[in-house]
C-alpha atoms as a PDB file:
ATOM      1  CA  UNK A   1       0.000   0.000   0.000  1.00  0.00           C
ATOM      2  CA  UNK A   2       2.681   2.506   1.038  1.00  0.00           C
ATOM      3  CA  UNK A   3       4.964   1.717  -1.861  1.00  0.00           C
ATOM      4  CA  UNK A   4       2.156   2.307  -4.364  1.00  0.00           C
ATOM      5  CA  UNK A   5       1.030   5.555  -2.744  1.00  0.00           C
ATOM      6  CA  UNK A   6       3.994   7.149  -0.996  1.00  0.00           C
ATOM      7  CA  UNK A   7       4.440   9.792  -3.718  1.00  0.00           C
ATOM      8  CA  UNK A   8       0.791  10.856  -3.763  1.00  0.00           C
ATOM      9  CA  UNK A   9      -1.936  11.505  -1.195  1.00  0.00           C
ATOM     10  CA  UNK A  10      -3.361   8.421   0.525  1.00  0.00           C
ATOM     11  CA  UNK A  11      -5.928   7.573   3.183  1.00  0.00           C
ATOM     12  CA  UNK A  12      -5.282   4.544   5.363  1.00  0.00           C
ATOM     13  CA  UNK A  13      -8.056   3.519   7.755  1.00  0.00           C
ATOM     14  CA  UNK A  14      -7.104   0.803  10.233  1.00  0.00           C
ATOM     15  CA  UNK A  15      -9.871  -0.563  12.433  1.00  0.00           C
ATOM     16  CA  UNK A  16      -8.264  -2.795  15.039  1.00  0.00           C
ATOM     17  CA  UNK A  17     -10.055  -5.760  16.616  1.00  0.00           C
ATOM     18  CA  UNK A  18      -8.049  -5.259  19.781  1.00  0.00           C
ATOM     19  CA  UNK A  19      -9.258  -4.253  23.270  1.00  0.00           C
ATOM     20  CA  UNK A  20     -12.637  -5.585  22.169  1.00  0.00           C
ATOM     21  CA  UNK A  21     -14.313  -8.847  23.043  1.00  0.00           C
ATOM     22  CA  UNK A  22     -13.500 -11.666  22.448  1.00  0.00           C
ATOM     23  CA  UNK A  23     -10.013 -10.198  23.208  1.00  0.00           C
ATOM     24  CA  UNK A  24      -8.155 -12.166  20.539  1.00  0.00           C
ATOM     25  CA  UNK A  25      -4.418 -12.089  21.272  1.00  0.00           C
ATOM     26  CA  UNK A  26      -1.687 -13.852  19.307  1.00  0.00           C
ATOM     27  CA  UNK A  27       0.595 -16.314  21.085  1.00  0.00           C
ATOM     28  CA  UNK A  28       3.500 -13.841  21.054  1.00  0.00           C
ATOM     29  CA  UNK A  29       1.597 -11.459  23.354  1.00  0.00           C
ATOM     30  CA  UNK A  30      -0.241 -13.890  25.643  1.00  0.00           C
ATOM     31  CA  UNK A  31       0.862 -13.366  29.244  1.00  0.00           C
ATOM     32  CA  UNK A  32       2.990 -10.319  28.399  1.00  0.00           C
ATOM     33  CA  UNK A  33       1.007  -7.910  30.583  1.00  0.00           C
ATOM     34  CA  UNK A  34       0.483  -7.812  34.345  1.00  0.00           C
ATOM     35  CA  UNK A  35      -3.113  -6.884  33.565  1.00  0.00           C
ATOM     36  CA  UNK A  36      -4.309 -10.188  32.138  1.00  0.00           C
ATOM     37  CA  UNK A  37      -5.809 -10.800  28.718  1.00  0.00           C
ATOM     38  CA  UNK A  38      -7.051  -7.219  28.361  1.00  0.00           C
ATOM     39  CA  UNK A  39      -3.546  -5.923  29.062  1.00  0.00           C
ATOM     40  CA  UNK A  40      -2.086  -8.392  26.537  1.00  0.00           C
ATOM     41  CA  UNK A  41      -4.545  -6.983  24.011  1.00  0.00           C
ATOM     42  CA  UNK A  42      -3.430  -3.413  24.736  1.00  0.00           C
ATOM     43  CA  UNK A  43       0.237  -4.388  24.343  1.00  0.00           C
ATOM     44  CA  UNK A  44      -0.380  -6.097  21.008  1.00  0.00           C
ATOM     45  CA  UNK A  45      -2.363  -3.106  19.744  1.00  0.00           C
ATOM     46  CA  UNK A  46       0.473  -0.815  20.851  1.00  0.00           C
ATOM     47  CA  UNK A  47       2.955  -2.954  18.883  1.00  0.00           C
ATOM     48  CA  UNK A  48       0.745  -2.901  15.759  1.00  0.00           C
ATOM     49  CA  UNK A  49       0.367   0.896  15.854  1.00  0.00           C
ATOM     50  CA  UNK A  50       4.136   1.172  16.354  1.00  0.00           C
ATOM     51  CA  UNK A  51       4.783  -0.925  13.228  1.00  0.00           C
ATOM     52  CA  UNK A  52       2.555   1.370  11.168  1.00  0.00           C
ATOM     53  CA  UNK A  53       4.289   4.502  12.483  1.00  0.00           C
ATOM     54  CA  UNK A  54       7.709   2.952  11.811  1.00  0.00           C
ATOM     55  CA  UNK A  55       6.859   2.458   8.128  1.00  0.00           C
ATOM     56  CA  UNK A  56       5.605   6.042   7.805  1.00  0.00           C
ATOM     57  CA  UNK A  57       8.822   7.297   9.420  1.00  0.00           C
ATOM     58  CA  UNK A  58      11.048   5.018   7.298  1.00  0.00           C
ATOM     59  CA  UNK A  59       9.424   6.225   4.077  1.00  0.00           C
ATOM     60  CA  UNK A  60      10.064   9.862   5.008  1.00  0.00           C
ATOM     61  CA  UNK A  61       6.343  10.618   5.337  1.00  0.00           C
ATOM     62  CA  UNK A  62       6.306  11.590   9.029  1.00  0.00           C
ATOM     63  CA  UNK A  63       6.083  15.361   8.577  1.00  0.00           C
ATOM     64  CA  UNK A  64       3.460  15.193   5.859  1.00  0.00           C
ATOM     65  CA  UNK A  65       1.120  12.569   7.334  1.00  0.00           C
ATOM     66  CA  UNK A  66      -1.791  13.465   9.625  1.00  0.00           C
ATOM     67  CA  UNK A  67      -2.418  10.577  12.041  1.00  0.00           C
ATOM     68  CA  UNK A  68      -5.449  10.388  14.316  1.00  0.00           C
ATOM     69  CA  UNK A  69      -5.742   7.572  16.862  1.00  0.00           C
ATOM     70  CA  UNK A  70      -8.946   7.170  18.868  1.00  0.00           C
ATOM     71  CA  UNK A  71     -11.556   4.700  20.045  1.00  0.00           C
ATOM     72  CA  UNK A  72     -15.210   4.539  19.040  1.00  0.00           C
ATOM     73  CA  UNK A  73     -16.324   4.150  22.668  1.00  0.00           C
ATOM     74  CA  UNK A  74     -15.092   3.770  26.218  1.00  0.00           C
ATOM     75  CA  UNK A  75     -13.956   0.470  27.669  1.00  0.00           C
ATOM     76  CA  UNK A  76     -16.468  -2.364  27.869  1.00  0.00           C
ATOM     77  CA  UNK A  77     -16.979  -3.257  31.535  1.00  0.00           C
ATOM     78  CA  UNK A  78     -19.026  -6.444  31.318  1.00  0.00           C
ATOM     79  CA  UNK A  79     -16.472  -8.803  29.761  1.00  0.00           C
ATOM     80  CA  UNK A  80     -15.981 -11.776  32.108  1.00  0.00           C
ATOM     81  CA  UNK A  81     -14.556 -15.271  32.111  1.00  0.00           C
ATOM     82  CA  UNK A  82     -15.945 -17.147  35.083  1.00  0.00           C
ATOM     83  CA  UNK A  83     -15.497 -14.703  37.964  1.00  0.00           C
ATOM     84  CA  UNK A  84     -12.568 -12.899  36.318  1.00  0.00           C
ATOM     85  CA  UNK A  85     -13.207  -9.354  35.127  1.00  0.00           C
ATOM     86  CA  UNK A  86     -11.764  -8.897  31.640  1.00  0.00           C
ATOM     87  CA  UNK A  87     -13.251  -5.483  30.886  1.00  0.00           C
ATOM     88  CA  UNK A  88     -11.633  -2.093  30.505  1.00  0.00           C
ATOM     89  CA  UNK A  89     -11.369   0.775  32.951  1.00  0.00           C
ATOM     90  CA  UNK A  90     -12.755   4.252  32.355  1.00  0.00           C
ATOM     91  CA  UNK A  91     -11.110   6.120  35.210  1.00  0.00           C
ATOM     92  CA  UNK A  92     -13.279   8.661  36.992  1.00  0.00           C
ATOM     93  CA  UNK A  93     -16.036   8.424  34.387  1.00  0.00           C
ATOM     94  CA  UNK A  94     -19.263   6.538  35.089  1.00  0.00           C
ATOM     95  CA  UNK A  95     -20.356   3.619  32.916  1.00  0.00           C
ATOM     96  CA  UNK A  96     -18.856   2.133  29.789  1.00  0.00           C
ATOM     97  CA  UNK A  97     -19.448   0.873  26.269  1.00  0.00           C
ATOM     98  CA  UNK A  98     -23.039   0.424  25.132  1.00  0.00           C
ATOM     99  CA  UNK A  99     -24.417   3.053  27.525  1.00  0.00           C
ATOM    100  CA  UNK A 100     -25.900   5.897  25.548  1.00  0.00           C
ATOM    101  CA  UNK A 101     -25.111   8.747  27.858  1.00  0.00           C
ATOM    102  CA  UNK A 102     -22.692   8.103  30.734  1.00  0.00           C
ATOM    103  CA  UNK A 103     -19.262   9.645  30.180  1.00  0.00           C
ATOM    104  CA  UNK A 104     -17.431   6.316  30.530  1.00  0.00           C
ATOM    105  CA  UNK A 105     -19.092   5.079  27.362  1.00  0.00           C
ATOM    106  CA  UNK A 106     -18.534   8.101  25.152  1.00  0.00           C
ATOM    107  CA  UNK A 107     -15.543  10.108  26.408  1.00  0.00           C
ATOM    108  CA  UNK A 108     -12.353   8.753  24.854  1.00  0.00           C
ATOM    109  CA  UNK A 109      -8.930  10.297  24.211  1.00  0.00           C
ATOM    110  CA  UNK A 110      -7.872  11.288  20.720  1.00  0.00           C
ATOM    111  CA  UNK A 111      -4.157  11.356  19.872  1.00  0.00           C
ATOM    112  CA  UNK A 112      -2.935  13.328  16.864  1.00  0.00           C
ATOM    113  CA  UNK A 113       0.525  13.219  15.257  1.00  0.00           C
ATOM    114  CA  UNK A 114       1.601  15.572  12.474  1.00  0.00           C
ATOM    115  CA  UNK A 115       5.145  16.742  13.314  1.00  0.00           C
ATOM    116  CA  UNK A 116       5.562  19.013  10.281  1.00  0.00           C
ATOM    117  CA  UNK A 117       2.526  21.074  11.247  1.00  0.00           C
ATOM    118  CA  UNK A 118       1.490  20.561  14.880  1.00  0.00           C
ATOM    119  CA  UNK A 119       3.737  21.065  17.937  1.00  0.00           C
ATOM    120  CA  UNK A 120       4.260  18.018  20.155  1.00  0.00           C
ATOM    121  CA  UNK A 121       2.922  17.813  23.697  1.00  0.00           C
ATOM    122  CA  UNK A 122      -0.115  20.051  23.224  1.00  0.00           C
ATOM    123  CA  UNK A 123      -3.181  19.095  25.276  1.00  0.00           C
ATOM    124  CA  UNK A 124      -6.611  20.281  24.144  1.00  0.00           C
ATOM    125  CA  UNK A 125      -9.445  19.878  26.638  1.00  0.00           C
ATOM    126  CA  UNK A 126     -12.271  20.417  24.178  1.00  0.00           C
ATOM    127  CA  UNK A 127     -14.911  17.872  23.263  1.00  0.00           C
ATOM    128  CA  UNK A 128     -14.968  16.823  19.651  1.00  0.00           C
ATOM    129  CA  UNK A 129     -16.737  13.995  17.856  1.00  0.00           C
ATOM    130  CA  UNK A 130     -15.644  11.106  15.668  1.00  0.00           C
ATOM    131  CA  UNK A 131     -18.028  12.674  13.140  1.00  0.00           C
ATOM    132  CA  UNK A 132     -15.372  15.399  12.838  1.00  0.00           C
ATOM    133  CA  UNK A 133     -13.017  13.020  11.014  1.00  0.00           C
ATOM    134  CA  UNK A 134     -15.014  13.297   7.765  1.00  0.00           C
ATOM    135  CA  UNK A 135     -14.823  17.089   7.317  1.00  0.00           C
ATOM    136  CA  UNK A 136     -11.218  17.080   8.599  1.00  0.00           C
ATOM    137  CA  UNK A 137     -10.122  14.588   5.933  1.00  0.00           C
ATOM    138  CA  UNK A 138     -12.087  16.459   3.244  1.00  0.00           C
ATOM    139  CA  UNK A 139     -10.402  19.705   4.354  1.00  0.00           C
ATOM    140  CA  UNK A 140      -6.925  18.099   4.270  1.00  0.00           C
ATOM    141  CA  UNK A 141      -7.580  16.765   0.769  1.00  0.00           C
ATOM    142  CA  UNK A 142      -8.522  20.225  -0.476  1.00  0.00           C
ATOM    143  CA  UNK A 143     -12.135  19.273  -1.058  1.00  0.00           C
ATOM    144  CA  UNK A 144     -15.417  20.783   0.075  1.00  0.00           C
ATOM    145  CA  UNK A 145     -18.019  19.155   2.322  1.00  0.00           C
ATOM    146  CA  UNK A 146     -21.296  18.679   0.375  1.00  0.00           C
ATOM    147  CA  UNK A 147     -23.639  21.632   0.914  1.00  0.00           C
ATOM    148  CA  UNK A 148     -26.874  19.807   0.021  1.00  0.00           C
ATOM    149  CA  UNK A 149     -27.248  18.279   3.507  1.00  0.00           C
ATOM    150  CA  UNK A 150     -26.582  19.042   7.160  1.00  0.00           C
ATOM    151  CA  UNK A 151     -23.188  17.692   8.239  1.00  0.00           C
ATOM    152  CA  UNK A 152     -22.788  17.225  11.984  1.00  0.00           C
ATOM    153  CA  UNK A 153     -18.989  17.078  11.978  1.00  0.00           C
ATOM    154  CA  UNK A 154     -16.656  20.078  12.193  1.00  0.00           C
ATOM    155  CA  UNK A 155     -13.106  20.158  10.853  1.00  0.00           C
ATOM    156  CA  UNK A 156     -10.592  19.655  13.675  1.00  0.00           C
ATOM    157  CA  UNK A 157      -7.814  21.659  12.018  1.00  0.00           C
ATOM    158  CA  UNK A 158      -8.549  25.138  13.475  1.00  0.00           C
ATOM    159  CA  UNK A 159      -8.687  23.632  16.984  1.00  0.00           C
ATOM    160  CA  UNK A 160      -5.483  21.644  16.454  1.00  0.00           C
ATOM    161  CA  UNK A 161      -3.638  24.602  14.952  1.00  0.00           C
ATOM    162  CA  UNK A 162      -4.792  26.909  17.749  1.00  0.00           C
ATOM    163  CA  UNK A 163      -6.608  29.369  15.488  1.00  0.00           C
ATOM    164  CA  UNK A 164      -9.745  28.737  17.564  1.00  0.00           C
ATOM    165  CA  UNK A 165      -9.898  27.911  21.271  1.00  0.00           C
ATOM    166  CA  UNK A 166     -13.205  26.062  21.415  1.00  0.00           C
ATOM    167  CA  UNK A 167     -14.832  23.117  19.697  1.00  0.00           C
ATOM    168  CA  UNK A 168     -17.441  23.980  17.081  1.00  0.00           C
ATOM    169  CA  UNK A 169     -19.971  21.759  18.893  1.00  0.00           C
ATOM    170  CA  UNK A 170     -22.429  23.738  20.998  1.00  0.00           C
ATOM    171  CA  UNK A 171     -24.681  20.695  21.462  1.00  0.00           C
ATOM    172  CA  UNK A 172     -23.813  17.002  21.325  1.00  0.00           C
ATOM    173  CA  UNK A 173     -26.483  14.317  21.211  1.00  0.00           C
ATOM    174  CA  UNK A 174     -25.739  10.882  22.625  1.00  0.00           C
ATOM    175  CA  UNK A 175     -27.751   7.953  21.323  1.00  0.00           C
ATOM    176  CA  UNK A 176     -28.034   4.350  22.397  1.00  0.00           C
ATOM    177  CA  UNK A 177     -29.031   2.639  19.168  1.00  0.00           C
ATOM    178  CA  UNK A 178     -31.797   4.849  17.766  1.00  0.00           C
ATOM    179  CA  UNK A 179     -32.839   6.173  21.194  1.00  0.00           C
ATOM    180  CA  UNK A 180     -31.656   9.581  22.413  1.00  0.00           C
ATOM    181  CA  UNK A 181     -30.315   9.020  25.927  1.00  0.00           C
ATOM    182  CA  UNK A 182     -28.485  12.261  26.699  1.00  0.00           C
ATOM    183  CA  UNK A 183     -27.515  15.670  25.352  1.00  0.00           C
ATOM    184  CA  UNK A 184     -24.725  18.039  26.374  1.00  0.00           C
ATOM    185  CA  UNK A 185     -24.710  21.814  26.014  1.00  0.00           C
ATOM    186  CA  UNK A 186     -21.486  23.792  26.018  1.00  0.00           C
ATOM    187  CA  UNK A 187     -22.637  27.157  27.363  1.00  0.00           C
ATOM    188  CA  UNK A 188     -20.123  29.358  25.557  1.00  0.00           C
ATOM    189  CA  UNK A 189     -20.542  32.552  27.583  1.00  0.00           C
ATOM    190  CA  UNK A 190     -19.891  30.769  30.888  1.00  0.00           C
ATOM    191  CA  UNK A 191     -17.670  27.909  29.706  1.00  0.00           C
ATOM    192  CA  UNK A 192     -19.903  25.491  31.643  1.00  0.00           C
ATOM    193  CA  UNK A 193     -20.834  22.126  30.136  1.00  0.00           C
ATOM    194  CA  UNK A 194     -24.246  20.796  31.152  1.00  0.00           C
ATOM    195  CA  UNK A 195     -25.532  17.310  30.415  1.00  0.00           C
ATOM    196  CA  UNK A 196     -29.105  16.072  30.607  1.00  0.00           C
ATOM    197  CA  UNK A 197     -29.947  12.348  30.701  1.00  0.00           C
ATOM    198  CA  UNK A 198     -33.391  11.340  29.420  1.00  0.00           C
ATOM    199  CA  UNK A 199     -32.753   7.618  29.936  1.00  0.00           C
ATOM    200  CA  UNK A 200     -30.073   5.657  31.774  1.00  0.00           C
ATOM    201  CA  UNK A 201     -29.388   1.898  31.868  1.00  0.00           C
ATOM    202  CA  UNK A 202     -30.499  -0.143  34.871  1.00  0.00           C
ATOM    203  CA  UNK A 203     -27.264  -1.513  36.344  1.00  0.00           C
ATOM    204  CA  UNK A 204     -27.165  -5.177  37.427  1.00  0.00           C
ATOM    205  CA  UNK A 205     -26.211  -5.429  40.257  1.00  0.00           C
ATOM    206  CA  UNK A 206     -27.462  -1.957  41.106  1.00  0.00           C
ATOM    207  CA  UNK A 207     -24.193  -0.587  42.539  1.00  0.00           C
ATOM    208  CA  UNK A 208     -21.899  -2.216  39.954  1.00  0.00           C
ATOM    209  CA  UNK A 209     -21.882   0.590  37.386  1.00  0.00           C
ATOM    210  CA  UNK A 210     -22.430  -1.984  34.639  1.00  0.00           C
ATOM    211  CA  UNK A 211     -24.954  -4.537  33.326  1.00  0.00           C
ATOM    212  CA  UNK A 212     -23.271  -7.797  34.359  1.00  0.00           C
ATOM    213  CA  UNK A 213     -26.653  -9.544  34.528  1.00  0.00           C
ATOM    214  CA  UNK A 214     -27.309  -8.956  30.812  1.00  0.00           C
ATOM    215  CA  UNK A 215     -23.756  -8.845  29.427  1.00  0.00           C
ATOM    216  CA  UNK A 216     -24.390  -5.454  27.819  1.00  0.00           C
ATOM    217  CA  UNK A 217     -26.779  -2.648  28.741  1.00  0.00           C
ATOM    218  CA  UNK A 218     -29.979  -2.437  26.669  1.00  0.00           C
ATOM    219  CA  UNK A 219     -31.112   0.825  25.054  1.00  0.00           C
ATOM    220  CA  UNK A 220     -34.862   0.638  25.732  1.00  0.00           C
ATOM    221  CA  UNK A 221     -37.636  -1.233  27.506  1.00  0.00           C
ATOM    222  CA  UNK A 222     -37.285  -2.487  31.061  1.00  0.00           C
ATOM    223  CA  UNK A 223     -33.490  -2.197  30.827  1.00  0.00           C
ATOM    224  CA  UNK A 224     -33.550   1.600  31.107  1.00  0.00           C
ATOM    225  CA  UNK A 225     -34.941   4.181  33.500  1.00  0.00           C
ATOM    226  CA  UNK A 226     -36.630   7.222  31.911  1.00  0.00           C
ATOM    227  CA  UNK A 227     -36.109  10.551  33.672  1.00  0.00           C
ATOM    228  CA  UNK A 228     -38.725  13.297  33.622  1.00  0.00           C
ATOM    229  CA  UNK A 229     -37.422  15.851  34.375  1.00  0.00           C
ATOM    230  CA  UNK A 230     -34.055  14.712  32.963  1.00  0.00           C
ATOM    231  CA  UNK A 231     -31.106  14.015  35.252  1.00  0.00           C
ATOM    232  CA  UNK A 232     -28.959  17.141  34.952  1.00  0.00           C
ATOM    233  CA  UNK A 233     -25.215  17.396  35.649  1.00  0.00           C
ATOM    234  CA  UNK A 234     -22.672  20.206  35.528  1.00  0.00           C
ATOM    235  CA  UNK A 235     -19.803  18.312  33.905  1.00  0.00           C
ATOM    236  CA  UNK A 236     -17.412  21.217  34.474  1.00  0.00           C
ATOM    237  CA  UNK A 237     -17.756  20.684  38.250  1.00  0.00           C
ATOM    238  CA  UNK A 238     -18.833  17.029  38.349  1.00  0.00           C
ATOM    239  CA  UNK A 239     -17.203  15.039  35.508  1.00  0.00           C
ATOM    240  CA  UNK A 240     -17.979  11.756  37.327  1.00  0.00           C
ATOM    241  CA  UNK A 241     -21.722  12.501  37.110  1.00  0.00           C
ATOM    242  CA  UNK A 242     -22.126  11.688  40.791  1.00  0.00           C
ATOM    243  CA  UNK A 243     -24.433  14.558  41.859  1.00  0.00           C
ATOM    244  CA  UNK A 244     -27.535  15.255  39.764  1.00  0.00           C
ATOM    245  CA  UNK A 245     -28.690  18.854  40.130  1.00  0.00           C
ATOM    246  CA  UNK A 246     -32.125  19.997  41.236  1.00  0.00           C
ATOM    247  CA  UNK A 247     -33.850  23.364  41.460  1.00  0.00           C
ATOM    248  CA  UNK A 248     -32.831  23.425  45.124  1.00  0.00           C
ATOM    249  CA  UNK A 249     -29.117  22.851  44.497  1.00  0.00           C
ATOM    250  CA  UNK A 250     -28.824  24.834  41.231  1.00  0.00           C
ATOM    251  CA  UNK A 251     -31.268  27.746  40.931  1.00  0.00           C
ATOM    252  CA  UNK A 252     -29.972  28.521  37.411  1.00  0.00           C
END
């Protein structure tokens, strides 16, 4: 692929099976990590990404290649083998994969590398969307996003280059399947990020933060709780979504 395209623009999309059930790991990486099969999976993925970057570097394409590494969702929590927990870990964020609204299912890091254009070590604490990849790639290729439809994505380049300080997303809608579970609002004048949950999964067991009883949280029916009024959180103050607000605690 590289040898055919190294002298002209190319797009390489690599969708890894790793850190995803059934946690397939080759023999070379089995038992390599102190963190069990999931850790072995992470190490093998790390090695695979490293091989790709090595080729780009070796071919002299490092400074002219935009690389974006991300995940489509937070770590799955329910993966088990017997009593052993094989799932991921989402840090301070509640919930995980397959949950339409909780931060642990939708907030993932994005890592960008483009040494010829972007300075190393920059950290941007702005929420973007994987839908932003489409207009970003179109922008990089010198094309124009079609104007005959509404496109939800926003090009990432102004944010990455520092020509703007804030994400172009004022609202973000978080679905579980076809059901709207939550929406966030970035209140630009105050800098506050609010999130309202219209439905949340019923955890099994209740205090587990996951749906171990079902294997994955459902999006509708008796597997979710509907909230009217919605559960409301100030993510700027409470990123763990531990303290839902009420009219008593938040007059605004």
